[in-house]
């Protein structure tokens, strides 16, 4: 059973975006977590959180920083 938020093809929530952005390595490359819909990754790219090359963008890092400050 996955603990990732369910993605419904609408605008993703911050929690859904963070669930995918958190799966990056030191170089910033985002890896798609198991059982995560490809459409969520694509949506994150369209929204500017992941670059065309697959790296977390400045916008994505800012979202992650906000989330980690609050938790």
PDB file of N, CA and C in Angstrom:
ATOM      1  N   UNK A   1       0.841  -1.168   0.000  1.00  0.00           N
ATOM      2  CA  UNK A   1       0.000   0.000   0.000  1.00  0.00           C
ATOM      3  C   UNK A   1       0.889   1.235   0.000  1.00  0.00           C
ATOM      4  N   UNK A   2       0.630   2.156  -0.917  1.00  0.00           N
ATOM      5  CA  UNK A   2       1.452   3.344  -1.064  1.00  0.00           C
ATOM      6  C   UNK A   2       0.947   4.470  -0.174  1.00  0.00           C
ATOM      7  N   UNK A   3       1.877   5.274   0.325  1.00  0.00           N
ATOM      8  CA  UNK A   3       1.487   6.416   1.139  1.00  0.00           C
ATOM      9  C   UNK A   3       1.479   7.702   0.318  1.00  0.00           C
ATOM     10  N   UNK A   4       1.713   7.588  -0.984  1.00  0.00           N
ATOM     11  CA  UNK A   4       1.711   8.761  -1.835  1.00  0.00           C
ATOM     12  C   UNK A   4       0.292   9.263  -2.035  1.00  0.00           C
ATOM     13  N   UNK A   5       0.116  10.600  -2.098  1.00  0.00           N
ATOM     14  CA  UNK A   5      -1.224  11.139  -2.339  1.00  0.00           C
ATOM     15  C   UNK A   5      -1.753  10.703  -3.697  1.00  0.00           C
ATOM     16  N   UNK A   6      -3.050  10.540  -3.795  1.00  0.00           N
ATOM     17  CA  UNK A   6      -3.690  10.124  -5.040  1.00  0.00           C
ATOM     18  C   UNK A   6      -3.769  11.328  -5.971  1.00  0.00           C
ATOM     19  N   UNK A   7      -3.409  11.134  -7.235  1.00  0.00           N
ATOM     20  CA  UNK A   7      -3.454  12.199  -8.231  1.00  0.00           C
ATOM     21  C   UNK A   7      -4.663  11.972  -9.119  1.00  0.00           C
ATOM     22  N   UNK A   8      -5.463  13.021  -9.330  1.00  0.00           N
ATOM     23  CA  UNK A   8      -6.726  12.864 -10.048  1.00  0.00           C
ATOM     24  C   UNK A   8      -6.770  13.590 -11.390  1.00  0.00           C
ATOM     25  N   UNK A   9      -5.616  13.937 -11.975  1.00  0.00           N
ATOM     26  CA  UNK A   9      -5.534  14.604 -13.269  1.00  0.00           C
ATOM     27  C   UNK A   9      -5.987  16.064 -13.226  1.00  0.00           C
ATOM     28  N   UNK A  10      -6.319  16.598 -12.074  1.00  0.00           N
ATOM     29  CA  UNK A  10      -6.605  18.016 -11.942  1.00  0.00           C
ATOM     30  C   UNK A  10      -5.328  18.672 -11.469  1.00  0.00           C
ATOM     31  N   UNK A  11      -5.382  19.956 -11.179  1.00  0.00           N
ATOM     32  CA  UNK A  11      -4.187  20.598 -10.644  1.00  0.00           C
ATOM     33  C   UNK A  11      -3.758  19.859  -9.388  1.00  0.00           C
ATOM     34  N   UNK A  12      -2.493  19.439  -9.343  1.00  0.00           N
ATOM     35  CA  UNK A  12      -2.030  18.699  -8.165  1.00  0.00           C
ATOM     36  C   UNK A  12      -1.931  19.603  -6.945  1.00  0.00           C
ATOM     37  N   UNK A  13      -2.115  19.002  -5.795  1.00  0.00           N
ATOM     38  CA  UNK A  13      -1.958  19.736  -4.537  1.00  0.00           C
ATOM     39  C   UNK A  13      -0.468  19.873  -4.235  1.00  0.00           C
ATOM     40  N   UNK A  14      -0.137  20.740  -3.295  1.00  0.00           N
ATOM     41  CA  UNK A  14       1.256  20.871  -2.872  1.00  0.00           C
ATOM     42  C   UNK A  14       1.785  19.540  -2.353  1.00  0.00           C
ATOM     43  N   UNK A  15       0.956  18.814  -1.621  1.00  0.00           N
ATOM     44  CA  UNK A  15       1.389  17.515  -1.072  1.00  0.00           C
ATOM     45  C   UNK A  15       1.737  16.543  -2.199  1.00  0.00           C
ATOM     46  N   UNK A  16       0.959  16.550  -3.271  1.00  0.00           N
ATOM     47  CA  UNK A  16       1.250  15.674  -4.401  1.00  0.00           C
ATOM     48  C   UNK A  16       2.545  16.084  -5.091  1.00  0.00           C
ATOM     49  N   UNK A  17       2.744  17.380  -5.267  1.00  0.00           N
ATOM     50  CA  UNK A  17       3.975  17.861  -5.889  1.00  0.00           C
ATOM     51  C   UNK A  17       5.186  17.529  -5.022  1.00  0.00           C
ATOM     52  N   UNK A  18       5.061  17.733  -3.736  1.00  0.00           N
ATOM     53  CA  UNK A  18       6.169  17.442  -2.823  1.00  0.00           C
ATOM     54  C   UNK A  18       6.490  15.957  -2.821  1.00  0.00           C
ATOM     55  N   UNK A  19       5.458  15.124  -2.948  1.00  0.00           N
ATOM     56  CA  UNK A  19       5.694  13.675  -2.949  1.00  0.00           C
ATOM     57  C   UNK A  19       6.594  13.248  -4.091  1.00  0.00           C
ATOM     58  N   UNK A  20       6.551  13.972  -5.191  1.00  0.00           N
ATOM     59  CA  UNK A  20       7.424  13.628  -6.316  1.00  0.00           C
ATOM     60  C   UNK A  20       8.745  14.384  -6.240  1.00  0.00           C
ATOM     61  N   UNK A  21       8.712  15.648  -5.814  1.00  0.00           N
ATOM     62  CA  UNK A  21       9.941  16.442  -5.737  1.00  0.00           C
ATOM     63  C   UNK A  21      10.899  15.901  -4.678  1.00  0.00           C
ATOM     64  N   UNK A  22      10.377  15.270  -3.655  1.00  0.00           N
ATOM     65  CA  UNK A  22      11.220  14.689  -2.607  1.00  0.00           C
ATOM     66  C   UNK A  22      12.064  13.525  -3.122  1.00  0.00           C
ATOM     67  N   UNK A  23      11.720  12.982  -4.279  1.00  0.00           N
ATOM     68  CA  UNK A  23      12.470  11.865  -4.852  1.00  0.00           C
ATOM     69  C   UNK A  23      13.531  12.381  -5.815  1.00  0.00           C
ATOM     70  N   UNK A  24      14.417  13.213  -5.301  1.00  0.00           N
ATOM     71  CA  UNK A  24      15.542  13.673  -6.098  1.00  0.00           C
ATOM     72  C   UNK A  24      16.828  13.362  -5.335  1.00  0.00           C
ATOM     73  N   UNK A  25      17.885  13.240  -6.101  1.00  0.00           N
ATOM     74  CA  UNK A  25      19.180  12.945  -5.503  1.00  0.00           C
ATOM     75  C   UNK A  25      19.994  14.216  -5.406  1.00  0.00           C
ATOM     76  N   UNK A  26      21.200  14.130  -4.893  1.00  0.00           N
ATOM     77  CA  UNK A  26      22.058  15.290  -4.681  1.00  0.00           C
ATOM     78  C   UNK A  26      22.270  16.143  -5.918  1.00  0.00           C
ATOM     79  N   UNK A  27      22.213  15.521  -7.082  1.00  0.00           N
ATOM     80  CA  UNK A  27      22.400  16.289  -8.314  1.00  0.00           C
ATOM     81  C   UNK A  27      21.122  17.017  -8.728  1.00  0.00           C
ATOM     82  N   UNK A  28      19.993  16.754  -8.029  1.00  0.00           N
ATOM     83  CA  UNK A  28      18.735  17.430  -8.323  1.00  0.00           C
ATOM     84  C   UNK A  28      17.842  16.710  -9.312  1.00  0.00           C
ATOM     85  N   UNK A  29      18.297  15.585  -9.857  1.00  0.00           N
ATOM     86  CA  UNK A  29      17.494  14.830 -10.814  1.00  0.00           C
ATOM     87  C   UNK A  29      16.341  14.134 -10.092  1.00  0.00           C
ATOM     88  N   UNK A  30      15.132  14.307 -10.608  1.00  0.00           N
ATOM     89  CA  UNK A  30      13.936  13.725  -9.995  1.00  0.00           C
ATOM     90  C   UNK A  30      13.720  12.323 -10.555  1.00  0.00           C
ATOM     91  N   UNK A  31      13.496  11.383  -9.661  1.00  0.00           N
ATOM     92  CA  UNK A  31      13.198  10.003 -10.038  1.00  0.00           C
ATOM     93  C   UNK A  31      11.751   9.730  -9.682  1.00  0.00           C
ATOM     94  N   UNK A  32      11.024   9.149 -10.582  1.00  0.00           N
ATOM     95  CA  UNK A  32       9.604   8.890 -10.373  1.00  0.00           C
ATOM     96  C   UNK A  32       9.428   7.779  -9.341  1.00  0.00           C
ATOM     97  N   UNK A  33       8.772   8.092  -8.210  1.00  0.00           N
ATOM     98  CA  UNK A  33       8.528   7.060  -7.203  1.00  0.00           C
ATOM     99  C   UNK A  33       7.645   5.945  -7.772  1.00  0.00           C
ATOM    100  N   UNK A  34       7.841   4.755  -7.272  1.00  0.00           N
ATOM    101  CA  UNK A  34       7.046   3.610  -7.708  1.00  0.00           C
ATOM    102  C   UNK A  34       5.558   3.894  -7.485  1.00  0.00           C
ATOM    103  N   UNK A  35       4.743   3.482  -8.428  1.00  0.00           N
ATOM    104  CA  UNK A  35       3.281   3.635  -8.384  1.00  0.00           C
ATOM    105  C   UNK A  35       2.812   5.086  -8.488  1.00  0.00           C
ATOM    106  N   UNK A  36       3.677   5.970  -8.954  1.00  0.00           N
ATOM    107  CA  UNK A  36       3.286   7.358  -9.168  1.00  0.00           C
ATOM    108  C   UNK A  36       2.919   7.534 -10.632  1.00  0.00           C
ATOM    109  N   UNK A  37       1.767   8.125 -10.908  1.00  0.00           N
ATOM    110  CA  UNK A  37       1.373   8.302 -12.301  1.00  0.00           C
ATOM    111  C   UNK A  37       2.328   9.240 -13.048  1.00  0.00           C
ATOM    112  N   UNK A  38       2.650   8.860 -14.263  1.00  0.00           N
ATOM    113  CA  UNK A  38       3.519   9.675 -15.102  1.00  0.00           C
ATOM    114  C   UNK A  38       2.900  11.059 -15.304  1.00  0.00           C
ATOM    115  N   UNK A  39       1.588  11.140 -15.305  1.00  0.00           N
ATOM    116  CA  UNK A  39       0.900  12.418 -15.512  1.00  0.00           C
ATOM    117  C   UNK A  39       1.221  13.420 -14.403  1.00  0.00           C
ATOM    118  N   UNK A  40       1.484  12.958 -13.182  1.00  0.00           N
ATOM    119  CA  UNK A  40       1.853  13.863 -12.098  1.00  0.00           C
ATOM    120  C   UNK A  40       3.225  14.478 -12.376  1.00  0.00           C
ATOM    121  N   UNK A  41       4.164  13.665 -12.839  1.00  0.00           N
ATOM    122  CA  UNK A  41       5.491  14.157 -13.213  1.00  0.00           C
ATOM    123  C   UNK A  41       5.364  15.185 -14.331  1.00  0.00           C
ATOM    124  N   UNK A  42       4.567  14.866 -15.336  1.00  0.00           N
ATOM    125  CA  UNK A  42       4.357  15.769 -16.466  1.00  0.00           C
ATOM    126  C   UNK A  42       3.731  17.079 -16.011  1.00  0.00           C
ATOM    127  N   UNK A  43       2.768  16.984 -15.118  1.00  0.00           N
ATOM    128  CA  UNK A  43       2.111  18.182 -14.589  1.00  0.00           C
ATOM    129  C   UNK A  43       3.119  19.037 -13.826  1.00  0.00           C
ATOM    130  N   UNK A  44       3.973  18.423 -13.013  1.00  0.00           N
ATOM    131  CA  UNK A  44       4.993  19.157 -12.262  1.00  0.00           C
ATOM    132  C   UNK A  44       5.944  19.877 -13.215  1.00  0.00           C
ATOM    133  N   UNK A  45       6.250  19.258 -14.344  1.00  0.00           N
ATOM    134  CA  UNK A  45       7.088  19.910 -15.360  1.00  0.00           C
ATOM    135  C   UNK A  45       6.357  21.091 -15.976  1.00  0.00           C
ATOM    136  N   UNK A  46       5.097  20.913 -16.316  1.00  0.00           N
ATOM    137  CA  UNK A  46       4.326  22.000 -16.919  1.00  0.00           C
ATOM    138  C   UNK A  46       4.189  23.183 -15.974  1.00  0.00           C
ATOM    139  N   UNK A  47       4.110  22.913 -14.684  1.00  0.00           N
ATOM    140  CA  UNK A  47       3.973  23.975 -13.685  1.00  0.00           C
ATOM    141  C   UNK A  47       5.316  24.625 -13.325  1.00  0.00           C
ATOM    142  N   UNK A  48       6.418  24.077 -13.843  1.00  0.00           N
ATOM    143  CA  UNK A  48       7.725  24.680 -13.626  1.00  0.00           C
ATOM    144  C   UNK A  48       8.483  24.191 -12.414  1.00  0.00           C
ATOM    145  N   UNK A  49       8.050  23.087 -11.801  1.00  0.00           N
ATOM    146  CA  UNK A  49       8.739  22.545 -10.635  1.00  0.00           C
ATOM    147  C   UNK A  49       9.873  21.596 -11.018  1.00  0.00           C
ATOM    148  N   UNK A  50       9.796  21.069 -12.230  1.00  0.00           N
ATOM    149  CA  UNK A  50      10.815  20.166 -12.763  1.00  0.00           C
ATOM    150  C   UNK A  50      11.190  20.689 -14.147  1.00  0.00           C
ATOM    151  N   UNK A  51      12.480  20.755 -14.428  1.00  0.00           N
ATOM    152  CA  UNK A  51      12.945  21.261 -15.719  1.00  0.00           C
ATOM    153  C   UNK A  51      12.688  20.242 -16.825  1.00  0.00           C
ATOM    154  N   UNK A  52      12.856  20.677 -18.064  1.00  0.00           N
ATOM    155  CA  UNK A  52      12.708  19.782 -19.217  1.00  0.00           C
ATOM    156  C   UNK A  52      13.682  18.602 -19.133  1.00  0.00           C
ATOM    157  N   UNK A  53      14.820  18.829 -18.493  1.00  0.00           N
ATOM    158  CA  UNK A  53      15.834  17.775 -18.359  1.00  0.00           C
ATOM    159  C   UNK A  53      15.559  16.845 -17.187  1.00  0.00           C
ATOM    160  N   UNK A  54      14.560  17.193 -16.338  1.00  0.00           N
ATOM    161  CA  UNK A  54      14.198  16.323 -15.227  1.00  0.00           C
ATOM    162  C   UNK A  54      14.762  16.720 -13.876  1.00  0.00           C
ATOM    163  N   UNK A  55      15.279  17.938 -13.764  1.00  0.00           N
ATOM    164  CA  UNK A  55      15.859  18.401 -12.510  1.00  0.00           C
ATOM    165  C   UNK A  55      14.887  19.302 -11.755  1.00  0.00           C
ATOM    166  N   UNK A  56      14.992  19.306 -10.428  1.00  0.00           N
ATOM    167  CA  UNK A  56      14.189  20.209  -9.609  1.00  0.00           C
ATOM    168  C   UNK A  56      14.628  21.633  -9.937  1.00  0.00           C
ATOM    169  N   UNK A  57      13.672  22.498 -10.227  1.00  0.00           N
ATOM    170  CA  UNK A  57      13.957  23.891 -10.549  1.00  0.00           C
ATOM    171  C   UNK A  57      14.017  24.730  -9.277  1.00  0.00           C
ATOM    172  N   UNK A  58      14.339  25.999  -9.447  1.00  0.00           N
ATOM    173  CA  UNK A  58      14.344  26.913  -8.305  1.00  0.00           C
ATOM    174  C   UNK A  58      12.954  26.952  -7.670  1.00  0.00           C
ATOM    175  N   UNK A  59      11.924  26.992  -8.495  1.00  0.00           N
ATOM    176  CA  UNK A  59      10.541  26.996  -8.001  1.00  0.00           C
ATOM    177  C   UNK A  59      10.261  25.731  -7.188  1.00  0.00           C
ATOM    178  N   UNK A  60      10.747  24.599  -7.666  1.00  0.00           N
ATOM    179  CA  UNK A  60      10.567  23.337  -6.952  1.00  0.00           C
ATOM    180  C   UNK A  60      11.313  23.319  -5.628  1.00  0.00           C
ATOM    181  N   UNK A  61      12.538  23.837  -5.620  1.00  0.00           N
ATOM    182  CA  UNK A  61      13.324  23.889  -4.380  1.00  0.00           C
ATOM    183  C   UNK A  61      12.664  24.807  -3.358  1.00  0.00           C
ATOM    184  N   UNK A  62      12.076  25.899  -3.840  1.00  0.00           N
ATOM    185  CA  UNK A  62      11.376  26.814  -2.930  1.00  0.00           C
ATOM    186  C   UNK A  62      10.163  26.135  -2.295  1.00  0.00           C
ATOM    187  N   UNK A  63       9.418  25.367  -3.085  1.00  0.00           N
ATOM    188  CA  UNK A  63       8.267  24.641  -2.546  1.00  0.00           C
ATOM    189  C   UNK A  63       8.721  23.615  -1.509  1.00  0.00           C
ATOM    190  N   UNK A  64       9.779  22.894  -1.806  1.00  0.00           N
ATOM    191  CA  UNK A  64      10.314  21.916  -0.850  1.00  0.00           C
ATOM    192  C   UNK A  64      10.773  22.600   0.431  1.00  0.00           C
ATOM    193  N   UNK A  65      11.441  23.738   0.304  1.00  0.00           N
ATOM    194  CA  UNK A  65      11.925  24.462   1.487  1.00  0.00           C
ATOM    195  C   UNK A  65      10.757  24.921   2.352  1.00  0.00           C
ATOM    196  N   UNK A  66       9.699  25.436   1.735  1.00  0.00           N
ATOM    197  CA  UNK A  66       8.520  25.857   2.491  1.00  0.00           C
ATOM    198  C   UNK A  66       7.905  24.683   3.235  1.00  0.00           C
ATOM    199  N   UNK A  67       7.813  23.562   2.556  1.00  0.00           N
ATOM    200  CA  UNK A  67       7.208  22.370   3.167  1.00  0.00           C
ATOM    201  C   UNK A  67       8.045  21.883   4.346  1.00  0.00           C
ATOM    202  N   UNK A  68       9.347  21.826   4.162  1.00  0.00           N
ATOM    203  CA  UNK A  68      10.214  21.298   5.215  1.00  0.00           C
ATOM    204  C   UNK A  68      10.350  22.253   6.392  1.00  0.00           C
ATOM    205  N   UNK A  69      10.141  23.556   6.161  1.00  0.00           N
ATOM    206  CA  UNK A  69      10.135  24.514   7.259  1.00  0.00           C
ATOM    207  C   UNK A  69       8.916  24.311   8.144  1.00  0.00           C
ATOM    208  N   UNK A  70       7.790  23.955   7.528  1.00  0.00           N
ATOM    209  CA  UNK A  70       6.533  23.793   8.258  1.00  0.00           C
ATOM    210  C   UNK A  70       6.422  22.452   8.963  1.00  0.00           C
ATOM    211  N   UNK A  71       7.184  21.465   8.523  1.00  0.00           N
ATOM    212  CA  UNK A  71       7.018  20.130   9.123  1.00  0.00           C
ATOM    213  C   UNK A  71       8.016  19.865  10.207  1.00  0.00           C
TER     214      UNK A  71
END
